[in-house]
Protein backbone atom coordinates (compact mmCIF):
# COMPACT_ATOMS: atom_id res chain seq x y z
CA MET A 1 -4.88 5.74 -18.80
CA ARG A 2 -8.18 5.20 -20.77
CA ASP A 3 -6.33 6.30 -24.18
CA GLU A 4 -3.63 3.64 -23.25
CA LYS A 5 -6.08 0.82 -23.02
CA LYS A 6 -7.83 1.95 -26.17
CA THR A 7 -4.35 2.07 -28.05
CA LYS A 8 -3.43 -1.35 -26.38
CA ALA A 9 -6.56 -3.04 -27.83
CA LYS A 10 -6.28 -1.54 -31.14
CA LEU A 11 -2.49 -2.71 -31.25
CA ILE A 12 -3.48 -6.16 -30.25
CA GLU A 13 -6.09 -6.39 -33.40
CA GLU A 14 -3.59 -4.81 -35.57
CA LEU A 15 -0.80 -7.26 -34.63
CA GLN A 16 -3.09 -10.33 -35.11
CA GLN A 17 -3.37 -9.18 -38.74
CA MET A 18 0.39 -8.28 -39.21
CA ARG A 19 1.30 -11.86 -40.25
CA TYR A 20 -1.26 -12.11 -42.79
CA ARG A 21 -0.33 -8.82 -44.48
CA VAL A 22 3.44 -10.11 -44.77
CA ALA A 23 1.98 -12.72 -47.13
CA GLU A 24 0.94 -9.80 -49.53
CA LEU A 25 4.83 -9.07 -50.05
CA GLU A 26 4.70 -11.98 -52.56
CA ALA A 27 1.84 -10.40 -54.67
CA PRO A 28 2.63 -8.04 -57.80
CA GLU A 29 4.72 -5.19 -57.33
CA THR A 30 1.97 -2.49 -56.79
CA GLY A 31 0.27 -4.82 -54.12
CA ARG A 32 3.77 -5.37 -52.44
CA LYS A 33 4.59 -1.79 -52.23
CA GLN A 34 1.24 -1.05 -50.76
CA THR A 35 1.56 -3.62 -48.25
CA GLU A 36 5.19 -2.44 -47.48
CA GLU A 37 3.80 1.04 -46.71
CA GLN A 38 0.93 -0.35 -44.54
CA LEU A 39 3.58 -2.29 -42.31
CA ARG A 40 5.96 0.71 -42.12
CA ILE A 41 2.94 2.67 -40.72
CA LEU A 42 1.93 -0.03 -38.46
CA SER A 43 5.51 -0.52 -37.19
CA SER A 44 5.74 3.29 -36.73
CA VAL A 45 2.57 3.25 -34.52
CA VAL A 46 3.86 0.32 -32.66
CA ASP A 47 7.09 1.74 -32.07
CA GLN A 48 5.77 4.85 -30.42
CA SER A 49 3.45 2.97 -28.25
CA VAL A 50 4.03 3.73 -24.37
CA ASN A 51 3.71 -0.24 -23.88
CA SER A 52 6.64 -2.40 -24.41
CA ILE A 53 6.08 -4.86 -27.34
CA ALA A 54 7.92 -7.69 -28.68
CA VAL A 55 6.92 -10.22 -31.45
CA LEU A 56 8.40 -13.76 -31.07
CA ASP A 57 8.41 -16.78 -33.43
CA ASN A 58 7.53 -20.29 -32.01
CA GLU A 59 11.22 -21.02 -31.20
CA GLY A 60 11.14 -17.90 -29.06
CA ASN A 61 13.37 -15.80 -31.46
CA VAL A 62 12.78 -12.14 -31.59
CA GLU A 63 11.35 -10.84 -34.85
CA TYR A 64 10.28 -7.52 -33.61
CA VAL A 65 10.85 -5.41 -30.54
CA ASN A 66 9.81 -1.71 -29.92
CA SER A 67 12.35 0.87 -28.39
CA LYS A 68 10.18 1.25 -25.28
CA LEU A 69 10.83 -2.49 -24.24
CA LEU A 70 14.75 -1.60 -24.50
CA GLU A 71 14.96 1.64 -22.91
CA PRO A 72 15.73 0.51 -19.38
CA TYR A 73 18.81 -1.84 -20.95
CA GLU A 74 20.31 1.04 -23.22
CA ILE A 75 20.35 -1.31 -26.41
CA ASN A 76 19.05 -0.97 -29.73
CA PRO A 77 16.34 -3.20 -31.42
CA GLU A 78 18.95 -4.26 -34.02
CA GLU A 79 21.00 -5.87 -31.36
CA ILE A 80 18.35 -8.28 -30.20
CA ILE A 81 16.41 -9.07 -33.53
CA GLY A 82 17.08 -12.64 -34.28
CA THR A 83 18.28 -13.58 -30.94
CA ASN A 84 16.36 -16.04 -28.40
CA TRP A 85 14.09 -14.22 -25.94
CA ARG A 86 15.32 -16.41 -23.18
CA SER A 87 18.90 -15.38 -23.71
CA PHE A 88 17.81 -11.79 -23.70
CA LEU A 89 16.18 -12.17 -20.08
CA SER A 90 18.78 -10.82 -17.52
CA GLU A 91 19.62 -13.08 -14.35
CA HIS A 92 17.48 -10.68 -12.58
CA SER A 93 14.52 -11.13 -14.40
CA SER A 94 11.64 -12.84 -12.74
CA LEU A 95 10.31 -13.95 -15.95
CA ARG A 96 13.18 -16.38 -16.28
CA SER A 97 11.72 -18.75 -13.85
CA ARG A 98 8.09 -18.51 -15.46
CA TYR A 99 9.38 -18.68 -19.02
CA ASP A 100 8.52 -22.22 -19.76
CA GLU A 101 4.97 -21.65 -18.20
CA MET A 102 4.35 -18.58 -20.37
CA ARG A 103 5.34 -20.49 -23.61
CA SER A 104 3.39 -23.54 -22.77
CA THR A 105 0.26 -21.16 -22.01
CA VAL A 106 0.63 -19.38 -25.14
CA LEU A 107 1.91 -21.85 -27.85
CA GLU A 108 0.43 -25.04 -26.59
CA GLU A 109 -2.83 -24.06 -24.98
CA GLY A 110 -3.30 -20.92 -27.40
CA GLU A 111 -4.24 -18.79 -24.02
CA VAL A 112 -3.21 -15.50 -22.86
CA TRP A 113 -0.51 -15.44 -20.33
CA ARG A 114 -0.54 -12.59 -17.74
CA GLY A 115 1.73 -11.81 -14.77
CA GLU A 116 3.66 -9.14 -13.22
CA VAL A 117 7.37 -9.19 -13.67
CA SER A 118 10.48 -7.80 -12.17
CA ASP A 119 13.96 -6.82 -13.71
CA ARG A 120 16.88 -4.57 -13.11
CA THR A 121 18.10 -1.63 -15.33
CA VAL A 122 21.57 -1.18 -16.37
CA ASN A 123 21.90 1.09 -13.51
CA GLY A 124 20.81 -1.56 -11.10
CA GLU A 125 17.40 -0.22 -10.38
CA THR A 126 14.49 -2.54 -9.93
CA ILE A 127 11.51 -2.10 -12.39
CA TRP A 128 8.12 -3.86 -12.52
CA ARG A 129 5.96 -4.48 -15.50
CA GLU A 130 2.46 -5.90 -15.93
CA ALA A 131 3.01 -8.18 -18.96
CA THR A 132 0.52 -9.84 -21.31
CA VAL A 133 1.68 -12.39 -23.91
CA PHE A 134 -1.11 -13.71 -26.49
CA PRO A 135 -0.74 -15.89 -29.40
CA ILE A 136 -0.98 -14.98 -33.03
CA VAL A 137 -2.72 -17.46 -35.34
CA ASP A 138 -2.75 -17.69 -39.00
CA ALA A 139 -5.74 -18.30 -41.28
CA SER A 140 -5.96 -22.13 -40.43
CA GLY A 141 -5.87 -21.15 -36.63
CA THR A 142 -2.36 -22.54 -36.17
CA VAL A 143 -0.27 -20.47 -33.45
CA THR A 144 2.57 -18.89 -35.55
CA HIS A 145 3.91 -16.31 -33.34
CA SER A 146 3.51 -14.86 -29.73
CA VAL A 147 3.39 -11.02 -28.81
CA TYR A 148 4.61 -9.77 -25.40
CA MET A 149 3.31 -6.55 -24.15
CA SER A 150 3.79 -4.89 -21.04
CA GLN A 151 3.42 -1.61 -19.05
CA ASP A 152 5.58 -0.10 -16.59
CA ILE A 153 4.08 -0.30 -13.04
CA THR A 154 7.31 0.53 -10.94
CA ASP A 155 5.79 3.78 -9.59
CA ARG A 156 2.76 1.93 -8.21
CA LYS A 157 4.87 -0.81 -6.87
CA GLN A 158 7.28 1.74 -5.04
CA ALA A 159 4.19 3.67 -3.98
CA GLU A 160 2.60 0.44 -2.38
CA GLN A 161 5.82 -0.42 -0.54
CA GLU A 162 6.35 3.06 0.72
CA ARG A 163 3.04 3.34 2.14
CA VAL A 164 3.23 0.00 3.79
CA ARG A 165 6.30 0.85 5.43
CA LEU A 166 5.16 4.26 6.57
CA THR A 167 1.76 2.97 7.67
CA ALA A 168 3.65 0.29 9.65
CA ILE A 169 5.76 2.55 11.37
CA LEU A 170 2.79 4.75 12.57
CA GLU A 171 0.57 1.87 13.38
CA ASN A 172 3.39 0.33 15.57
CA THR A 173 4.25 3.29 17.61
CA SER A 174 2.84 3.44 21.20
CA ASP A 175 2.09 7.28 20.95
CA MET A 176 -1.16 8.50 19.50
CA VAL A 177 -0.74 10.02 16.01
CA SER A 178 -3.65 11.83 14.25
CA THR A 179 -4.42 14.50 11.77
CA ALA A 180 -7.35 17.03 11.27
CA LEU A 181 -8.76 19.36 8.89
CA PRO A 182 -8.58 23.20 9.65
CA ASP A 183 -11.85 22.72 11.35
CA GLN A 184 -10.37 20.32 13.58
CA ARG A 185 -12.43 17.26 12.24
CA ILE A 186 -10.34 14.13 12.67
CA THR A 187 -9.19 12.41 9.28
CA TYR A 188 -6.74 9.91 10.61
CA MET A 189 -5.99 8.17 13.97
CA ASN A 190 -3.36 5.55 14.38
CA ARG A 191 -4.12 2.27 16.56
CA ALA A 192 -2.58 3.45 19.66
CA GLY A 193 -4.80 6.61 19.75
CA LYS A 194 -7.86 4.72 19.40
CA GLU A 195 -6.80 2.32 22.13
CA MET A 196 -6.01 5.41 24.38
CA LEU A 197 -9.69 6.92 23.59
CA GLY A 198 -11.42 3.40 23.72
CA TRP A 199 -12.56 4.22 20.02
CA PRO A 200 -13.22 1.41 17.84
CA ASN A 201 -10.35 0.19 15.61
CA GLU A 202 -11.99 1.48 12.24
CA ASN A 203 -11.77 4.05 9.89
CA ILE A 204 -12.30 7.38 11.84
CA SER A 205 -15.44 9.26 10.71
CA ILE A 206 -14.83 12.73 9.59
CA ASP A 207 -17.59 13.98 11.84
CA LYS A 208 -15.41 13.29 14.92
CA ASP A 209 -13.27 16.40 15.99
CA ILE A 210 -10.47 16.86 18.44
CA HIS A 211 -12.27 18.24 21.06
CA MET A 212 -14.07 14.62 21.75
CA ALA A 213 -10.86 13.21 22.96
CA HIS A 214 -10.21 15.89 25.58
CA PRO A 215 -11.78 17.11 28.88
CA GLN A 216 -13.06 20.52 28.69
CA TRP A 217 -10.30 22.43 30.10
CA ALA A 218 -7.73 20.65 27.83
CA ALA A 219 -10.11 21.13 24.89
CA GLU A 220 -10.04 24.92 25.77
CA MET A 221 -6.22 25.16 26.05
CA ILE A 222 -5.74 23.44 22.74
CA GLU A 223 -8.16 25.70 21.08
CA LYS A 224 -6.95 29.04 22.43
CA GLU A 225 -3.21 28.26 22.81
CA GLY A 226 -2.11 25.07 21.12
CA VAL A 227 -3.87 25.45 17.66
CA SER A 228 -3.25 29.06 17.30
CA THR A 229 0.31 28.88 18.24
CA ALA A 230 0.83 26.00 15.89
CA ILE A 231 -0.71 28.12 13.02
CA ARG A 232 1.50 30.94 13.92
CA ASP A 233 4.64 29.23 14.58
CA GLY A 234 4.15 26.04 13.04
CA ILE A 235 4.52 23.66 15.98
CA TRP A 236 3.21 23.75 19.85
CA ARG A 237 4.04 21.76 22.75
CA GLY A 238 2.26 21.26 25.96
CA GLU A 239 0.84 19.04 28.57
CA THR A 240 -2.96 18.47 28.29
CA ALA A 241 -5.12 15.36 28.84
CA LEU A 242 -7.27 12.76 27.10
CA LEU A 243 -10.61 11.37 28.20
CA GLY A 244 -10.04 7.92 29.07
CA THR A 245 -12.28 4.76 28.33
CA ASN A 246 -14.02 5.18 31.77
CA GLY A 247 -14.03 8.96 31.60
CA THR A 248 -10.85 9.56 33.58
CA GLU A 249 -8.36 12.22 32.69
CA ILE A 250 -5.10 10.77 31.35
CA PRO A 251 -2.13 13.07 31.48
CA VAL A 252 -0.46 13.37 28.41
CA SER A 253 2.49 15.49 26.53
CA GLN A 254 1.22 16.77 23.31
CA VAL A 255 2.67 18.09 20.15
CA ILE A 256 0.51 20.15 17.51
CA MET A 257 1.97 20.92 14.06
CA SER A 258 0.46 22.80 11.24
CA HIS A 259 0.96 21.93 7.55
CA LYS A 260 0.54 24.44 5.08
CA SER A 261 0.75 24.74 1.27
CA SER A 262 3.27 26.68 -0.88
CA THR A 263 0.93 29.61 -0.69
CA GLY A 264 0.74 29.67 3.12
CA GLU A 265 -2.62 28.33 3.40
CA LEU A 266 -3.34 26.04 6.36
CA GLU A 267 -4.01 22.35 4.71
CA TYR A 268 -4.17 20.25 7.99
CA LEU A 269 -3.13 19.88 11.50
CA SER A 270 -1.43 16.91 12.98
CA THR A 271 -0.77 15.86 16.52
CA ILE A 272 1.65 13.29 18.59
CA ILE A 273 0.26 12.67 21.95
CA ARG A 274 2.18 10.60 24.64
CA ASP A 275 0.72 9.18 27.80
CA ILE A 276 2.91 10.22 30.80
CA SER A 277 0.81 8.48 33.58
CA GLU A 278 2.14 5.47 35.07
CA ARG A 279 3.40 3.04 32.33
CA LYS A 280 1.91 -0.14 34.12
CA GLN A 281 -1.50 1.44 34.41
CA ALA A 282 -1.46 2.67 30.82
CA GLU A 283 -0.49 -0.85 29.49
CA GLU A 284 -3.41 -2.54 31.65
CA VAL A 285 -6.02 0.01 30.18
CA MET A 286 -4.66 -0.68 26.59
CA ARG A 287 -4.87 -4.48 27.39
CA GLN A 288 -8.57 -4.07 28.49
CA SER A 289 -9.47 -1.75 25.62
CA GLU A 290 -7.84 -4.21 22.98
CA GLU A 291 -10.19 -6.97 24.30
CA THR A 292 -13.23 -4.97 23.51
CA LEU A 293 -12.15 -3.72 19.93
CA LYS A 294 -13.39 -5.40 16.93
CA VAL A 295 -12.07 -5.03 13.24
CA SER A 296 -14.74 -4.25 10.65
CA GLN A 297 -14.37 -4.84 7.10
CA GLU A 298 -16.22 -3.37 3.97
CA ILE A 299 -17.11 -6.06 1.53
CA GLY A 300 -17.01 -4.88 -2.09
CA HIS A 301 -20.04 -5.14 -4.25
CA ILE A 302 -19.80 -7.99 -6.72
CA GLY A 303 -22.65 -9.12 -8.98
CA SER A 304 -22.93 -11.97 -11.59
CA TRP A 305 -24.24 -12.26 -15.09
CA SER A 306 -25.21 -14.72 -17.92
CA LEU A 307 -25.25 -13.91 -21.79
CA ASP A 308 -26.84 -16.44 -23.90
CA LEU A 309 -25.29 -15.65 -27.29
CA GLU A 310 -27.92 -17.19 -29.31
CA LYS A 311 -30.87 -15.54 -27.77
CA ASN A 312 -28.94 -12.37 -26.61
CA ASP A 313 -30.44 -12.85 -23.29
CA LEU A 314 -28.33 -11.10 -20.83
CA LEU A 315 -29.25 -12.03 -17.14
CA TRP A 316 -28.00 -9.86 -14.35
CA SER A 317 -28.00 -10.47 -10.49
CA ASP A 318 -29.72 -7.78 -8.48
CA GLU A 319 -26.18 -6.53 -7.42
CA VAL A 320 -25.22 -5.74 -10.91
CA TYR A 321 -28.41 -3.62 -11.39
CA ARG A 322 -27.31 -1.81 -8.10
CA ILE A 323 -23.65 -1.28 -9.39
CA PHE A 324 -25.22 0.24 -12.66
CA GLY A 325 -27.41 2.48 -10.65
CA LEU A 326 -30.81 0.78 -11.58
CA MET A 327 -33.62 -0.90 -9.58
CA PRO A 328 -33.08 -4.69 -9.21
CA GLN A 329 -34.90 -6.44 -12.12
CA GLN A 330 -36.27 -3.23 -13.48
CA PHE A 331 -36.12 -4.40 -17.00
CA ASP A 332 -34.89 -7.38 -19.18
CA THR A 333 -31.37 -6.80 -20.33
CA THR A 334 -29.43 -7.54 -23.41
CA TYR A 335 -26.00 -7.17 -24.61
CA GLU A 336 -26.91 -3.74 -26.14
CA VAL A 337 -28.48 -2.59 -22.90
CA PHE A 338 -25.20 -3.43 -21.19
CA LEU A 339 -23.15 -1.32 -23.74
CA GLU A 340 -25.35 1.50 -23.17
CA ALA A 341 -24.74 1.40 -19.54
CA VAL A 342 -20.79 1.50 -20.26
CA HIS A 343 -19.26 4.74 -20.32
CA PRO A 344 -19.36 6.26 -23.86
CA ASP A 345 -15.37 6.47 -23.94
CA ASP A 346 -14.98 2.78 -22.93
CA ARG A 347 -17.77 1.29 -25.15
CA GLU A 348 -15.48 0.49 -28.02
CA MET A 349 -12.87 -0.91 -25.86
CA VAL A 350 -15.13 -3.17 -23.89
CA ASN A 351 -16.84 -4.30 -27.18
CA SER A 352 -13.67 -5.30 -28.81
CA ALA A 353 -12.39 -6.84 -25.74
CA TYR A 354 -15.49 -9.09 -25.29
CA THR A 355 -15.72 -9.98 -29.18
CA THR A 356 -12.03 -10.76 -29.37
CA ALA A 357 -12.29 -13.05 -26.42
CA ILE A 358 -15.31 -14.81 -28.05
CA LYS A 359 -13.45 -15.28 -31.37
CA THR A 360 -10.10 -16.29 -29.80
CA HIS A 361 -11.64 -18.47 -26.80
CA ALA A 362 -9.49 -16.45 -24.70
CA PRO A 363 -10.53 -15.18 -21.12
CA TYR A 364 -12.44 -11.71 -20.94
CA GLU A 365 -11.02 -9.47 -18.37
CA VAL A 366 -11.39 -5.59 -18.41
CA VAL A 367 -11.43 -2.59 -16.23
CA HIS A 368 -13.98 -0.12 -17.42
CA ARG A 369 -16.38 2.84 -16.52
CA VAL A 370 -20.14 2.84 -15.92
CA LEU A 371 -22.27 5.69 -16.56
CA ARG A 372 -25.33 5.81 -13.96
CA PRO A 373 -28.62 7.14 -14.90
CA ASN A 374 -27.97 9.93 -12.56
CA GLY A 375 -24.59 10.94 -14.03
CA GLU A 376 -22.47 9.31 -11.36
CA VAL A 377 -19.30 7.56 -12.81
CA ARG A 378 -18.29 4.10 -11.29
CA ILE A 379 -15.18 1.83 -12.16
CA VAL A 380 -15.82 -1.67 -12.50
CA ARG A 381 -13.76 -4.78 -13.45
CA GLU A 382 -15.31 -7.58 -15.31
CA LYS A 383 -14.19 -11.12 -15.86
CA SER A 384 -15.93 -14.12 -17.61
CA VAL A 385 -15.56 -17.67 -18.91
CA ASP A 386 -17.19 -18.86 -21.90
CA ILE A 387 -19.21 -22.23 -22.42
CA ALA A 388 -19.07 -24.27 -25.67
CA ASP A 389 -21.65 -26.56 -26.97
CA GLU A 390 -20.52 -30.12 -28.32
CA SER A 391 -19.07 -28.82 -31.43
CA GLY A 392 -16.81 -26.19 -29.57
CA ARG A 393 -19.03 -23.19 -30.39
CA ILE A 394 -19.37 -20.54 -27.81
CA VAL A 395 -22.91 -20.41 -26.71
CA ARG A 396 -22.79 -18.59 -23.41
CA SER A 397 -20.62 -16.55 -21.27
CA VAL A 398 -20.68 -16.38 -17.39
CA GLY A 399 -19.15 -13.66 -15.66
CA MET A 400 -18.74 -11.31 -12.72
CA ILE A 401 -18.66 -7.56 -12.20
CA HIS A 402 -16.88 -5.89 -9.28
CA ASP A 403 -17.20 -2.35 -8.28
CA ILE A 404 -13.50 -1.11 -7.58
CA THR A 405 -14.28 2.59 -7.64
CA GLU A 406 -13.09 3.17 -3.90
CA GLN A 407 -10.02 0.97 -4.66
CA LYS A 408 -8.99 3.04 -7.78
CA LEU A 409 -9.52 6.20 -5.82
CA ALA A 410 -7.35 5.07 -3.01
CA GLU A 411 -4.60 4.42 -5.50
CA GLU A 412 -4.85 7.89 -6.60
CA ALA A 413 -4.73 9.29 -2.98
CA LEU A 414 -1.84 6.92 -2.06
CA ARG A 415 1.01 9.44 -3.00
CA ASP A 416 -0.93 12.36 -1.24
CA SER A 417 -1.04 10.49 1.96
CA GLU A 418 2.79 9.47 1.87
CA GLU A 419 3.86 13.04 2.12
CA LYS A 420 1.61 13.60 5.40
CA LEU A 421 2.86 10.36 6.89
CA ARG A 422 6.51 11.17 6.24
CA SER A 423 5.89 14.68 8.02
CA ILE A 424 4.30 13.04 11.06
CA LEU A 425 7.26 10.38 11.06
CA GLU A 426 10.03 13.06 10.95
CA SER A 427 8.47 14.88 13.85
CA SER A 428 8.39 11.97 16.38
CA PRO A 429 10.50 12.47 19.51
CA ASP A 430 11.44 8.58 19.58
CA ALA A 431 14.19 7.12 17.69
CA ILE A 432 12.60 5.22 14.82
CA THR A 433 14.71 3.06 12.71
CA VAL A 434 14.35 0.74 9.70
CA THR A 435 16.71 -2.07 9.09
CA ASN A 436 17.11 -5.07 6.72
CA LEU A 437 16.53 -8.55 7.91
CA GLU A 438 20.38 -8.60 8.92
CA ALA A 439 19.79 -5.77 11.21
CA LYS A 440 21.62 -3.25 9.20
CA LEU A 441 20.09 0.49 9.19
CA THR A 442 18.43 1.51 6.29
CA ASP A 443 16.66 4.54 7.42
CA CYS A 444 15.95 6.28 10.64
CA ASN A 445 14.35 9.69 11.68
CA PRO A 446 16.14 12.77 13.15
CA ALA A 447 15.40 11.81 16.69
CA THR A 448 17.65 8.48 16.10
CA LEU A 449 20.65 10.94 15.48
CA SER A 450 19.91 13.10 18.54
CA MET A 451 19.49 10.17 20.69
CA HIS A 452 22.67 8.30 19.63
CA GLY A 453 24.73 11.50 19.31
CA PHE A 454 25.39 11.43 15.44
CA ASP A 455 25.66 14.26 13.26
CA THR A 456 24.30 12.88 10.07
CA MET A 457 22.26 10.18 8.64
CA GLU A 458 25.31 8.78 6.59
CA GLU A 459 27.00 7.86 9.85
CA LEU A 460 24.27 5.47 10.73
CA ILE A 461 23.08 3.88 7.13
CA GLY A 462 24.56 0.51 6.99
CA MET A 463 25.45 0.42 10.48
CA ASP A 464 24.87 -3.02 12.33
CA THR A 465 22.36 -1.95 15.06
CA LEU A 466 24.26 -4.11 17.48
CA GLU A 467 27.00 -1.49 17.57
CA LEU A 468 24.46 0.69 19.32
CA ILE A 469 23.89 -1.66 22.10
CA LYS A 470 26.35 -2.31 24.76
CA PRO A 471 28.16 -5.62 24.12
CA GLU A 472 26.86 -7.48 27.26
CA ASP A 473 23.50 -7.18 25.72
CA HIS A 474 24.47 -8.57 22.32
CA GLN A 475 23.66 -12.01 22.73
CA ARG A 476 20.13 -11.13 24.03
CA ALA A 477 19.55 -8.80 21.28
CA VAL A 478 20.28 -11.39 18.84
CA GLU A 479 17.67 -13.67 20.22
CA ASN A 480 15.01 -11.10 20.38
CA ILE A 481 15.79 -10.26 16.76
CA GLN A 482 14.99 -13.94 15.64
CA ARG A 483 12.02 -13.98 18.07
CA THR A 484 10.56 -10.90 16.25
CA LEU A 485 11.08 -12.39 12.85
CA ASP A 486 9.34 -15.48 14.20
CA GLN A 487 6.41 -14.00 15.97
CA GLY A 488 5.99 -10.75 13.91
CA THR A 489 6.35 -8.17 16.96
CA ALA A 490 8.31 -7.63 20.27
CA LYS A 491 7.36 -5.02 22.72
CA ASN A 492 8.96 -3.20 25.60
CA ILE A 493 12.56 -4.80 25.69
CA GLU A 494 15.07 -2.92 27.64
CA TYR A 495 18.88 -2.67 26.74
CA THR A 496 21.71 -0.40 27.65
CA PHE A 497 22.46 1.64 24.57
CA LEU A 498 25.48 3.47 23.33
CA ARG A 499 25.96 7.09 21.89
CA LYS A 500 28.67 7.94 19.43
CA ASP A 501 30.88 9.20 22.26
CA GLY A 502 30.74 5.77 24.18
CA THR A 503 28.37 7.07 26.73
CA GLU A 504 25.55 4.78 27.73
CA PHE A 505 21.92 5.16 28.31
CA LEU A 506 19.02 2.77 29.32
CA GLY A 507 16.39 2.55 26.55
CA GLU A 508 13.16 0.56 25.86
CA ILE A 509 12.69 -0.78 22.24
CA SER A 510 9.55 -2.23 20.57
CA ALA A 511 9.82 -3.62 17.06
CA SER A 512 7.78 -5.34 14.34
CA VAL A 513 8.31 -7.07 10.94
CA ILE A 514 7.70 -5.14 7.67
CA ARG A 515 6.20 -7.30 4.83
CA ASP A 516 6.29 -6.75 1.10
CA VAL A 517 2.89 -6.85 -0.85
CA PHE A 518 3.25 -10.52 -1.14
CA GLY A 519 3.47 -11.08 2.60
CA ASN A 520 7.12 -11.73 2.98
CA PRO A 521 9.25 -10.09 5.53
CA VAL A 522 11.52 -7.61 4.03
CA SER A 523 12.76 -5.49 7.13
CA PHE A 524 12.10 -4.52 10.65
CA VAL A 525 10.77 -1.29 12.13
CA ALA A 526 11.81 -0.33 15.66
CA ILE A 527 10.88 2.50 18.05
CA THR A 528 13.22 3.32 21.00
CA LYS A 529 12.60 5.48 24.01
CA ASP A 530 15.20 6.74 26.31
CA ILE A 531 13.83 5.76 29.80
CA ALA A 532 16.91 7.11 31.92
CA GLU A 533 14.99 9.73 33.42
CA ARG A 534 12.04 7.56 34.31
CA ARG A 535 14.34 5.02 36.09
CA GLN A 536 16.00 7.71 38.10
CA ALA A 537 12.77 8.81 39.20
CA GLU A 538 11.77 5.47 40.36
CA GLU A 539 15.02 5.14 42.12
CA VAL A 540 14.35 8.28 44.04
CA LEU A 541 10.81 7.13 44.79
CA ARG A 542 12.43 3.79 46.27
CA GLU A 543 14.92 5.62 48.31
CA SER A 544 12.34 7.92 49.61
CA GLU A 545 10.05 5.10 50.64
CA GLY A 546 12.84 3.40 52.51
CA LYS A 547 13.82 6.44 54.41
CA PHE A 548 10.23 6.94 55.50
CA ARG A 549 9.73 3.11 56.47
CA SER A 550 13.07 3.44 58.37
CA ILE A 551 11.86 6.38 60.39
CA VAL A 552 8.33 4.76 61.09
CA ASN A 553 9.96 1.53 62.18
CA SER A 554 12.49 3.25 64.42
CA SER A 555 10.04 5.82 66.02
CA PRO A 556 9.34 5.18 69.85
CA MET A 557 5.80 6.39 69.31
CA GLY A 558 2.86 4.66 67.76
CA MET A 559 1.79 5.97 64.40
CA HIS A 560 -1.37 5.59 62.30
CA MET A 561 -2.22 6.31 58.83
CA TYR A 562 -5.77 7.88 57.76
CA GLN A 563 -7.41 7.79 54.45
CA LEU A 564 -9.82 10.77 54.02
CA GLU A 565 -13.03 9.66 52.22
CA SER A 566 -14.95 12.50 50.84
CA ASP A 567 -18.45 10.90 51.61
CA GLY A 568 -17.82 9.00 54.81
CA PRO A 569 -15.88 8.93 58.21
CA LEU A 570 -12.01 8.77 58.44
CA GLN A 571 -10.69 5.18 57.68
CA ARG A 572 -7.67 4.01 59.59
């Protein structure tokens, strides 16, 4: 990535000069051939770039485009040279709606335009690009061309969407889901698990282990039987208990799974825990615990700086010193001191970006590394604006620096976590479904097939979810779908569901809206539980109570009921 940024900065500088070199073609033969060779080399370098590049004249006609930009569309550069860029954009390109804004920014204001744009390939696949469009000026300062540069960020966008979807599923299930290292220290716990235990809704500290969540007897069972069996056989199921918020035991059913590397080495353990105590009591406990929970946020470190270009006087806020691993106001700073703090491999790129911004009056924004005195490397984002004097000469830059190290590390860990989240999802005993906003199935877990009696995923994908619900409940279901879309969530709604063979079963469903990275609703996730056995047990209990009450009421003898108190007399 660092090499790509350096290459991109170099290409920008060389493309700025390309238009000047063309003029040399009118020089004597020797000079012209030399210029042609230089342009040929430059064109070859640009064409081999990992970035997509196009050069447009002021009318928007394409004068140059490299093959990287045209790969998704399976066309050759010769087919687009001389055509207007607007006509090249497909109907699916999000740049079409921003085209006039982009041209105005670059050609009229002489500024750099940046944005994330989407399009579709010839195969119908959506692609995302991070685009930058900047002006090229001639010797008189007049904008003559614009250069479009972009890099493919499709993988990152898809990874973000997948993580949002999987995290939404886990965070909205009513079961506890957690993962732990081989030494049983907890690395992740979903919202439901924290609620069951009464732990704050914050990132779980790695110094917590699973024994803290259970009474002693349950912890011993998990240690001696559950974990060892899961490591040996891959999975263990049993009934244990959790320690509730008031120290009482909560009976639970528990599944423990082991996850191993390709060499058979244990990497982590995961568990799914379901509260099997009375549902009403569990809901009350959860409501009380939710009232006491608070969300904590970590605020990123942001510092400010100001550079007097005439005096080379650089002022840092205390936070900038700390970001650079220095004592606040330890010494006076200059631009050279700043460059010394930049990672050696990034100095040329940072210096080039800043000096270019000063020369072109363009915004300065870069991401680079900082090398602290103790050898620690941090990643920061810098951005600044320039202040000019009455003559228009830049005399001062004012900017900010933001430590984004954790964000970058999180992006790298994103794909690793997706595999773990998927593994946990596939093991859930409840039916978990994902539908589009028209309530048509787009994804589901194996439990969905089992619950509704289907054999393959293909039978369900694309099916309207109303087909899985008894017709008498359809109108209510449609109303609840709209209510979920309006309110964001819906919990514990009972329907009579249908199996593939037409048989019915009573189920309880909770659902929520999944939103994209822009906050727009894109789909629903729903979790369905089969509550037929629970209802049967409740019915048996009601019948038993009725029989008992009938016997009592019809008895000719007086009856009394007593409650035994461990520390007092009998209570009648």
